[in-house]
Amino acid sequence: MKIPTTIITLSALFMASMVSAVMPDDPAKIDTCTAPGTVALTFDDGPGIYNDQLLAILAKKNVKATFFMIGENIVATPALSATLKKILAGGHQLASHTYTHSNLDLMTAEQMKSEISRTSDAMFTHAGVRPAYMRAPEGRCSELCTKVMGELGLVISHWNVDTNDWRHKAQAPQTAADLSMVEINDVIVKNSNPATDSFILLQHEIHKFSVELLAERVIDAILAKGYKFVTMEECVGKPSYLSGSVVPPVVPPTTGPTSGAPVPPPSGGVVPPPSATSGGAGAPGSTTRSAVSAAATTGTTSGAGALQMGAWAMGLAAAVGYTLF
């Protein structure tokens, strides 16, 4: 019996998806926490005009978060630059999301360093800190980018669960919030185990619905599952800021290395890498997911990774099948 070409194609795509989903990723790109039962709630693209509302929600829920800020946004609006000190005062962590939110993989090494150093300078000017954590725009940080960030002593912060709120911003607010809960419900609420799993969750602070209708909903669902919210410093175990920053690290010195990093350069210079005594950029055994992929890389002892991996593969196969038919 001759097997239809469509069936062969779908089978091949499914198997290829399964293989790619379990291939090990670059351990330099962190997307899980060192301790199970923890979730690092992270917000990208700020500072934004809804930040005060978001900080009020976080304070109400007694949750600490990490804010990946765009340098250009910090310097463009003086009123928003004051937000950085409010974030620190709330016990949250500041981190870098580059200066222009451009694709780092299209840049030279020097251009990448400029993206980091200008953001570091902006944060130091307005909040007295030079972040030791960065997130590449769209998660795009290939071999050269990874090398440069490593030389600068920065933790490359990815994620393994996504609200995808930016995808839904054109929808009605309540619909957008519902859609933004889909991956959280599927991966964390329904199919994870706090005894074995940990997550770094991506959200944005610049979308009104994501702050007003989604943030508290996300927090409540994850707390009800039995997880504890942590900053990226608590998640990874490396200090939030490079030596020379004014404020202390988010986590007390006894819980992570805080010394040994060289003093950062004067304003305008590129942030330096820490010395060998300042701690590595990642946790041994930590796995990572491509930021633009839906393949999970959580521990094999839970159903969360397997479900995400299989769902991604089946979704791809279904999509291709629809096109072929």
Protein backbone atom coordinates (compact mmCIF):
# COMPACT_ATOMS: atom_id res chain seq x y z
CA MET A 1 0.00 0.00 0.00
CA LYS A 2 1.35 3.38 -0.95
CA ILE A 3 1.54 5.81 1.99
CA PRO A 4 0.29 9.32 1.08
CA THR A 5 3.03 11.91 0.80
CA THR A 6 1.21 14.14 3.30
CA ILE A 7 1.38 11.45 5.99
CA ILE A 8 5.10 10.94 5.39
CA THR A 9 5.70 14.68 5.59
CA LEU A 10 3.76 15.05 8.82
CA SER A 11 5.54 12.09 10.39
CA ALA A 12 8.93 13.48 9.46
CA LEU A 13 8.06 16.89 10.83
CA PHE A 14 6.79 15.38 14.05
CA MET A 15 9.95 13.33 14.60
CA ALA A 16 12.21 16.24 13.72
CA SER A 17 10.32 18.43 16.16
CA MET A 18 10.67 15.88 18.93
CA VAL A 19 14.42 15.55 18.33
CA SER A 20 15.01 19.30 18.23
CA ALA A 21 12.97 19.78 21.37
CA VAL A 22 15.19 17.52 23.44
CA MET A 23 18.50 18.73 22.04
CA PRO A 24 20.54 20.47 24.75
CA ASP A 25 20.68 24.27 24.52
CA ASP A 26 23.41 26.69 25.51
CA PRO A 27 23.73 26.54 29.32
CA ALA A 28 25.01 30.13 29.28
CA LYS A 29 21.46 31.26 28.54
CA ILE A 30 19.50 30.80 31.75
CA ASP A 31 15.82 29.85 31.57
CA THR A 32 15.25 27.92 34.80
CA CYS A 33 15.99 28.60 38.45
CA THR A 34 18.44 26.61 40.55
CA ALA A 35 15.80 25.67 43.13
CA PRO A 36 12.56 23.84 42.30
CA GLY A 37 9.31 25.45 43.36
CA THR A 38 10.42 28.95 42.34
CA VAL A 39 9.19 31.30 39.63
CA ALA A 40 11.02 34.44 38.53
CA LEU A 41 8.41 36.93 37.33
CA THR A 42 10.03 39.23 34.78
CA PHE A 43 8.76 42.30 32.93
CA ASP A 44 10.33 43.60 29.72
CA ASP A 45 10.44 46.86 27.76
CA GLY A 46 10.07 49.42 30.56
CA PRO A 47 10.05 51.83 32.09
CA GLY A 48 6.41 52.25 31.07
CA ILE A 49 3.51 54.47 32.05
CA TYR A 50 1.73 51.68 33.93
CA ASN A 51 4.64 50.90 36.21
CA ASP A 52 3.14 52.56 39.30
CA GLN A 53 0.03 50.40 38.94
CA LEU A 54 2.17 47.31 38.52
CA LEU A 55 4.28 48.11 41.57
CA ALA A 56 1.10 48.56 43.60
CA ILE A 57 -0.13 45.10 42.53
CA LEU A 58 3.20 43.50 43.38
CA ALA A 59 3.22 45.20 46.79
CA LYS A 60 -0.33 44.03 47.46
CA LYS A 61 0.65 40.44 46.65
CA ASN A 62 4.04 40.71 48.37
CA VAL A 63 5.75 39.52 45.19
CA LYS A 64 9.21 40.58 44.03
CA ALA A 65 9.89 40.82 40.30
CA THR A 66 12.69 41.66 37.87
CA PHE A 67 12.40 44.50 35.37
CA PHE A 68 14.40 44.34 32.13
CA MET A 69 14.68 47.97 31.08
CA ILE A 70 15.44 49.56 27.70
CA GLY A 71 18.12 52.23 28.04
CA GLU A 72 16.55 54.48 25.42
CA ASN A 73 13.28 54.50 27.35
CA ILE A 74 15.07 55.48 30.55
CA VAL A 75 16.70 58.57 29.08
CA ALA A 76 13.86 59.61 26.75
CA THR A 77 11.31 60.43 29.45
CA PRO A 78 12.60 62.05 32.66
CA ALA A 79 9.33 61.30 34.48
CA LEU A 80 9.71 57.58 33.77
CA SER A 81 13.37 57.52 34.76
CA ALA A 82 12.26 58.14 38.36
CA THR A 83 10.51 54.77 38.17
CA LEU A 84 13.83 52.99 38.58
CA LYS A 85 14.28 54.17 42.16
CA LYS A 86 10.69 53.17 42.95
CA ILE A 87 11.41 49.68 41.66
CA LEU A 88 14.47 49.38 43.87
CA ALA A 89 12.59 50.78 46.86
CA GLY A 90 10.02 48.02 46.42
CA GLY A 91 12.72 45.36 46.68
CA HIS A 92 12.61 44.46 43.01
CA GLN A 93 15.54 43.92 40.65
CA LEU A 94 16.61 46.03 37.68
CA ALA A 95 18.16 44.40 34.62
CA SER A 96 19.20 45.36 31.09
CA HIS A 97 17.14 44.87 27.94
CA THR A 98 19.74 46.71 25.82
CA TYR A 99 19.64 50.36 24.78
CA THR A 100 17.66 50.36 21.52
CA HIS A 101 15.87 46.97 21.70
CA SER A 102 17.49 45.93 18.43
CA ASN A 103 18.57 42.50 17.20
CA LEU A 104 21.97 41.83 18.79
CA ASP A 105 22.72 39.09 16.29
CA LEU A 106 22.92 41.71 13.52
CA MET A 107 25.56 43.72 15.40
CA THR A 108 29.31 43.65 15.73
CA ALA A 109 30.86 42.91 19.11
CA GLU A 110 31.54 46.62 19.67
CA GLN A 111 27.96 47.54 18.86
CA MET A 112 26.71 44.96 21.34
CA LYS A 113 29.02 46.36 24.01
CA SER A 114 27.66 49.84 23.30
CA GLU A 115 24.10 48.59 23.77
CA ILE A 116 25.06 47.24 27.18
CA SER A 117 27.29 50.07 28.37
CA ARG A 118 24.84 52.85 27.45
CA THR A 119 22.05 51.07 29.28
CA SER A 120 24.33 50.49 32.26
CA ASP A 121 25.24 54.18 32.30
CA ALA A 122 21.58 55.23 32.14
CA MET A 123 20.70 52.95 35.05
CA PHE A 124 23.67 54.13 37.08
CA THR A 125 22.72 57.77 36.48
CA HIS A 126 19.10 57.34 37.55
CA ALA A 127 19.29 54.51 40.09
CA GLY A 128 22.93 53.99 41.08
CA VAL A 129 23.16 50.43 39.75
CA ARG A 130 24.89 48.62 36.92
CA PRO A 131 22.91 45.45 36.15
CA ALA A 132 24.61 42.07 35.97
CA TYR A 133 21.63 40.51 34.19
CA MET A 134 20.57 41.14 30.59
CA ARG A 135 17.90 39.86 28.22
CA ALA A 136 18.41 40.06 24.49
CA PRO A 137 15.53 41.53 22.50
CA GLU A 138 13.35 38.65 21.25
CA GLY A 139 15.84 36.34 22.92
CA ARG A 140 18.20 36.65 19.94
CA CYS A 141 21.70 36.02 21.25
CA SER A 142 23.72 33.61 19.12
CA GLU A 143 27.35 32.56 19.42
CA LEU A 144 29.03 35.98 19.15
CA CYS A 145 26.44 37.61 21.42
CA THR A 146 26.84 34.86 24.00
CA LYS A 147 30.61 35.31 23.89
CA VAL A 148 30.40 39.09 24.32
CA MET A 149 27.93 38.91 27.19
CA GLY A 150 30.14 36.34 28.88
CA GLU A 151 33.14 38.61 28.54
CA LEU A 152 31.12 41.40 30.16
CA GLY A 153 30.23 39.10 33.06
CA LEU A 154 26.50 39.25 32.39
CA VAL A 155 23.83 36.61 32.95
CA ILE A 156 21.88 36.02 29.73
CA SER A 157 18.32 35.72 30.94
CA HIS A 158 15.91 33.69 28.83
CA TRP A 159 12.57 32.21 29.89
CA ASN A 160 10.67 28.93 29.73
CA VAL A 161 7.09 30.15 30.01
CA ASP A 162 5.59 33.14 28.22
CA THR A 163 2.40 35.17 28.58
CA ASN A 164 2.79 36.18 24.91
CA ASP A 165 0.94 39.33 25.95
CA TRP A 166 2.50 41.33 23.12
CA ARG A 167 0.86 39.02 20.60
CA HIS A 168 -2.61 39.79 21.95
CA LYS A 169 -2.43 43.55 22.51
CA ALA A 170 -4.77 44.24 19.55
CA GLN A 171 -7.54 42.12 21.09
CA ALA A 172 -10.20 43.38 23.47
CA PRO A 173 -8.57 43.69 26.93
CA GLN A 174 -10.35 40.75 28.56
CA THR A 175 -9.79 38.51 25.53
CA ALA A 176 -6.12 39.51 25.50
CA ALA A 177 -5.80 38.59 29.17
CA ASP A 178 -7.51 35.22 28.62
CA LEU A 179 -5.21 34.40 25.70
CA SER A 180 -2.17 35.45 27.71
CA MET A 181 -3.03 32.88 30.37
CA VAL A 182 -3.10 29.93 27.96
CA GLU A 183 0.57 28.90 28.18
CA ILE A 184 0.70 29.53 31.93
CA ASN A 185 -2.34 27.33 32.49
CA ASP A 186 -1.10 24.58 30.17
CA VAL A 187 2.49 24.49 31.35
CA ILE A 188 2.48 25.57 34.99
CA VAL A 189 -1.02 25.19 36.41
CA LYS A 190 -1.99 21.91 34.76
CA ASN A 191 1.27 20.12 34.12
CA SER A 192 4.05 21.14 36.47
CA ASN A 193 5.28 20.00 39.86
CA PRO A 194 6.74 22.51 42.37
CA ALA A 195 8.84 19.68 43.80
CA THR A 196 10.80 19.40 40.56
CA ASP A 197 10.09 22.40 38.34
CA SER A 198 11.05 26.05 38.22
CA PHE A 199 10.20 28.79 35.76
CA ILE A 200 11.26 32.15 34.42
CA LEU A 201 8.10 33.88 33.24
CA LEU A 202 8.03 36.61 30.61
CA GLN A 203 5.54 39.48 30.66
CA HIS A 204 5.58 43.14 29.55
CA GLU A 205 4.83 46.24 31.59
CA ILE A 206 3.99 48.49 28.62
CA HIS A 207 0.61 46.96 27.73
CA LYS A 208 -2.28 48.30 29.81
CA PHE A 209 -4.28 45.06 29.85
CA SER A 210 -1.20 43.10 30.89
CA VAL A 211 -0.87 45.21 34.03
CA GLU A 212 -4.52 45.82 34.88
CA LEU A 213 -6.09 42.46 33.96
CA LEU A 214 -3.27 39.93 33.74
CA ALA A 215 -0.59 40.56 36.36
CA GLU A 216 -2.64 39.72 39.44
CA ARG A 217 -4.26 36.79 37.66
CA VAL A 218 -0.86 35.33 36.81
CA ILE A 219 0.36 35.73 40.37
CA ASP A 220 -2.73 34.16 41.93
CA ALA A 221 -2.63 31.13 39.60
CA ILE A 222 1.04 30.43 40.28
CA LEU A 223 0.80 30.94 44.03
CA ALA A 224 -2.21 28.60 44.14
CA LYS A 225 -0.07 25.93 42.44
CA GLY A 226 2.41 26.13 45.33
CA TYR A 227 5.29 28.12 43.80
CA LYS A 228 7.27 30.94 45.38
CA PHE A 229 8.08 34.10 43.43
CA VAL A 230 11.73 35.19 43.37
CA THR A 231 13.92 37.78 41.68
CA MET A 232 16.38 36.71 39.00
CA GLU A 233 19.15 37.03 41.57
CA GLU A 234 17.39 34.56 43.84
CA CYS A 235 16.58 32.38 40.84
CA VAL A 236 20.15 32.12 39.54
CA GLY A 237 22.29 32.84 42.60
CA LYS A 238 24.47 35.57 41.13
CA PRO A 239 24.27 39.18 42.45
CA SER A 240 21.90 41.55 40.71
CA TYR A 241 24.46 44.30 40.15
CA LEU A 242 28.10 44.74 39.30
CA SER A 243 30.51 45.99 41.93
CA GLY A 244 30.39 49.74 42.38
CA SER A 245 26.61 49.94 42.40
CA VAL A 246 25.15 52.05 45.19
CA VAL A 247 22.35 49.78 46.43
CA PRO A 248 23.00 46.35 47.97
CA PRO A 249 22.06 43.18 46.09
CA VAL A 250 18.46 41.99 46.31
CA VAL A 251 19.54 38.86 48.17
CA PRO A 252 21.65 39.18 51.35
CA PRO A 253 25.35 38.34 50.85
CA THR A 254 25.04 35.01 52.66
CA THR A 255 22.83 33.58 49.89
CA GLY A 256 25.11 34.28 46.98
CA PRO A 257 28.53 35.63 45.99
CA THR A 258 28.71 39.39 46.20
CA SER A 259 32.40 40.18 46.06
CA GLY A 260 35.27 39.75 43.68
CA ALA A 261 33.86 41.69 40.72
CA PRO A 262 36.09 44.52 39.54
CA VAL A 263 34.93 48.11 39.86
CA PRO A 264 33.00 49.18 36.75
CA PRO A 265 34.52 51.80 34.46
CA PRO A 266 33.55 55.44 34.56
CA SER A 267 30.44 56.58 32.71
CA GLY A 268 30.68 55.72 29.04
CA GLY A 269 32.83 52.64 29.52
CA VAL A 270 31.81 49.06 28.94
CA VAL A 271 30.89 47.06 32.02
CA PRO A 272 33.68 44.61 32.89
CA PRO A 273 33.46 40.89 33.57
CA PRO A 274 33.64 39.71 37.16
CA SER A 275 36.63 37.81 38.48
CA ALA A 276 36.56 34.07 38.98
CA THR A 277 35.43 34.54 42.56
CA SER A 278 32.24 36.37 41.68
CA GLY A 279 30.26 33.34 40.63
CA GLY A 280 29.33 31.83 37.29
CA ALA A 281 26.63 33.07 34.97
CA GLY A 282 24.48 30.01 35.35
CA ALA A 283 23.60 27.06 37.45
CA PRO A 284 25.10 23.63 36.77
CA GLY A 285 22.62 21.45 34.96
CA SER A 286 20.46 24.40 33.97
CA THR A 287 18.85 24.01 30.58
CA THR A 288 17.56 26.69 28.27
CA ARG A 289 14.92 27.17 25.67
CA SER A 290 15.18 29.31 22.57
CA ALA A 291 13.26 32.43 23.45
CA VAL A 292 11.27 32.30 20.22
CA SER A 293 10.50 28.60 20.57
CA ALA A 294 7.77 26.90 22.53
CA ALA A 295 9.78 23.79 23.34
CA ALA A 296 10.12 23.34 27.08
CA THR A 297 13.34 22.25 28.75
CA THR A 298 12.21 21.72 32.29
CA GLY A 299 13.34 18.61 34.16
CA THR A 300 12.43 15.24 32.77
CA THR A 301 10.96 14.25 36.12
CA SER A 302 7.86 16.38 35.50
CA GLY A 303 5.15 16.34 32.86
CA ALA A 304 5.57 20.04 32.03
CA GLY A 305 8.48 19.63 29.64
CA ALA A 306 7.04 16.59 27.91
CA LEU A 307 3.67 18.27 27.41
CA GLN A 308 5.17 21.44 25.97
CA MET A 309 7.49 19.49 23.69
CA GLY A 310 4.76 17.24 22.36
CA ALA A 311 2.26 20.08 21.98
CA TRP A 312 4.73 22.11 19.99
CA ALA A 313 5.52 19.24 17.67
CA MET A 314 1.89 18.29 17.15
CA GLY A 315 0.93 21.90 16.58
CA LEU A 316 3.57 22.25 13.90
CA ALA A 317 2.50 19.03 12.24
CA ALA A 318 -1.13 20.09 12.31
CA ALA A 319 -0.34 23.45 10.81
CA VAL A 320 1.66 21.92 7.98
CA GLY A 321 -1.01 19.32 7.39
CA TYR A 322 -3.67 22.03 7.09
CA THR A 323 -1.53 23.82 4.52
CA LEU A 324 -0.91 20.67 2.48
CA PHE A 325 -4.52 19.60 2.44
